Amino acid sequence: MRFLLDTVAFLFAATDDPRMSSFSRAILDDPDNTVFLSAASAWEIGVKHGRGRLHLPEAPDRCVPRIREEMGIETLPLEEQTALRAGRLPDLHRDPFDRILVSQAISMGLTILTPDEAIRQYPVPTVW
């Protein structure tokens, strides 16, 4: 299967956070699955780190790609049409980063790996 990591799911996985569900961990560990991290998540991590709201062991431009590659996670670029579609989504979630992830998952037929209940309100498959 093909999955898109929510930003918090990526951070939980990267730090072995106990809030990461065992089901989600099994998805990440299964070599038959393709897992993506959106460029929007990388952007969100950079913004939060820059504002002092997210501590990282090194600068985001070094640690995000390194961790993503170590975990065998593919990068998912942000396409213009996907960004525009995010603006047309129902106003169920005000976080612009998460709205982009929903739009990407819809466009690409991906299941979002997320603990976020607001994301689960959209017509997109989610697991946690």
Protein backbone atom coordinates (compact mmCIF):
# COMPACT_ATOMS: atom_id res chain seq x y z
CA MET A 1 0.00 0.00 0.00
CA ARG A 2 0.91 3.66 -0.27
CA PHE A 3 0.85 5.99 2.73
CA LEU A 4 1.41 9.68 3.42
CA LEU A 5 2.80 10.55 6.83
CA ASP A 6 1.22 13.39 8.76
CA THR A 7 3.95 15.67 10.11
CA VAL A 8 3.41 14.56 13.69
CA ALA A 9 3.49 10.91 12.63
CA PHE A 10 6.87 11.50 10.99
CA LEU A 11 8.18 13.18 14.14
CA PHE A 12 6.82 10.39 16.36
CA ALA A 13 8.44 7.75 14.14
CA ALA A 14 11.73 9.63 13.93
CA THR A 15 12.00 9.90 17.72
CA ASP A 16 10.50 6.50 18.65
CA ASP A 17 7.83 8.41 20.54
CA PRO A 18 5.59 6.02 22.51
CA ARG A 19 2.54 7.84 21.11
CA MET A 20 3.27 6.17 17.76
CA SER A 21 0.76 3.35 17.45
CA SER A 22 2.06 -0.17 16.99
CA PHE A 23 -0.14 -0.49 13.88
CA SER A 24 1.49 2.61 12.35
CA ARG A 25 4.95 1.36 13.27
CA ALA A 26 4.18 -1.94 11.50
CA ILE A 27 3.15 -0.01 8.37
CA LEU A 28 6.46 1.83 8.38
CA ASP A 29 8.41 -1.37 8.95
CA ASP A 30 6.71 -3.29 6.13
CA PRO A 31 8.98 -3.17 3.06
CA ASP A 32 5.97 -3.79 0.79
CA ASN A 33 4.54 -0.38 1.71
CA THR A 34 5.57 2.88 0.06
CA VAL A 35 5.59 5.73 2.55
CA PHE A 36 5.83 9.41 1.63
CA LEU A 37 6.68 12.60 3.50
CA SER A 38 5.23 15.69 1.88
CA ALA A 39 7.30 18.75 1.07
CA ALA A 40 4.57 20.55 3.05
CA SER A 41 5.58 18.59 6.16
CA ALA A 42 9.22 19.54 5.64
CA TRP A 43 8.07 23.16 5.36
CA GLU A 44 5.97 22.85 8.54
CA ILE A 45 8.92 21.37 10.44
CA GLY A 46 11.16 24.21 9.23
CA VAL A 47 8.63 26.86 10.24
CA LYS A 48 8.05 25.39 13.70
CA HIS A 49 11.77 24.95 14.28
CA GLY A 50 12.44 28.52 13.14
CA ARG A 51 9.85 29.84 15.60
CA GLY A 52 11.39 27.84 18.46
CA ARG A 53 8.35 25.55 18.77
CA LEU A 54 10.17 22.38 17.69
CA HIS A 55 13.53 21.22 18.98
CA LEU A 56 15.63 19.19 16.55
CA PRO A 57 19.10 17.65 16.98
CA GLU A 58 20.31 19.64 13.95
CA ALA A 59 19.00 22.11 11.39
CA PRO A 60 15.84 20.90 9.59
CA ASP A 61 17.49 21.07 6.17
CA ARG A 62 19.94 18.42 7.38
CA CYS A 63 17.93 16.26 9.75
CA VAL A 64 14.65 15.90 7.81
CA PRO A 65 16.23 14.47 4.64
CA ARG A 66 18.64 12.32 6.67
CA ILE A 67 15.90 10.82 8.85
CA ARG A 68 13.57 10.38 5.89
CA GLU A 69 16.25 8.50 3.94
CA GLU A 70 17.28 6.38 6.95
CA MET A 71 13.64 5.34 7.36
CA GLY A 72 13.19 4.59 3.65
CA ILE A 73 10.53 7.29 3.24
CA GLU A 74 10.02 8.88 -0.17
CA THR A 75 9.64 12.62 -0.63
CA LEU A 76 6.38 13.91 -2.11
CA PRO A 77 6.67 17.25 -3.91
CA LEU A 78 3.87 19.77 -3.78
CA GLU A 79 2.14 20.34 -7.11
CA GLU A 80 0.33 23.55 -7.98
CA GLN A 81 -3.04 21.89 -8.63
CA THR A 82 -2.83 20.06 -5.32
CA ALA A 83 -2.17 23.33 -3.49
CA LEU A 84 -5.10 24.98 -5.24
CA ARG A 85 -7.40 22.04 -4.43
CA ALA A 86 -6.54 22.40 -0.73
CA GLY A 87 -8.22 25.81 -0.77
CA ARG A 88 -11.45 24.21 -2.00
CA LEU A 89 -11.66 21.61 0.76
CA PRO A 90 -14.47 21.94 3.30
CA ASP A 91 -13.44 24.08 6.27
CA LEU A 92 -13.11 21.13 8.65
CA HIS A 93 -9.49 21.80 9.58
CA ARG A 94 -7.86 25.22 9.72
CA ASP A 95 -4.25 24.01 9.66
CA PRO A 96 -3.01 24.83 6.14
CA PHE A 97 -0.30 22.17 6.27
CA ASP A 98 -2.79 19.43 7.08
CA ARG A 99 -5.16 20.67 4.37
CA ILE A 100 -2.32 20.28 1.87
CA LEU A 101 -1.71 16.73 3.09
CA VAL A 102 -5.38 15.88 2.64
CA SER A 103 -5.33 17.33 -0.87
CA GLN A 104 -2.18 15.37 -1.74
CA ALA A 105 -3.67 12.14 -0.40
CA ILE A 106 -6.83 12.65 -2.43
CA SER A 107 -4.85 13.48 -5.59
CA MET A 108 -2.45 10.56 -5.25
CA GLY A 109 -4.78 7.96 -3.78
CA LEU A 110 -2.79 7.73 -0.55
CA THR A 111 -3.83 6.73 2.94
CA ILE A 112 -2.78 9.25 5.59
CA LEU A 113 -1.01 7.93 8.67
CA THR A 114 -2.23 10.33 11.37
CA PRO A 115 -3.50 10.58 14.93
CA ASP A 116 -5.28 13.85 14.00
CA GLU A 117 -9.05 13.53 14.40
CA ALA A 118 -9.68 16.66 12.29
CA ILE A 119 -7.95 15.08 9.27
CA ARG A 120 -10.16 12.01 9.68
CA GLN A 121 -13.23 14.15 8.95
CA TYR A 122 -12.21 14.48 5.28
CA PRO A 123 -13.12 11.93 2.60
CA VAL A 124 -9.66 10.39 2.59
CA PRO A 125 -8.51 7.06 4.03
CA THR A 126 -6.62 7.38 7.31
CA VAL A 127 -5.03 4.92 9.73
CA TRP A 128 -3.34 5.15 13.07
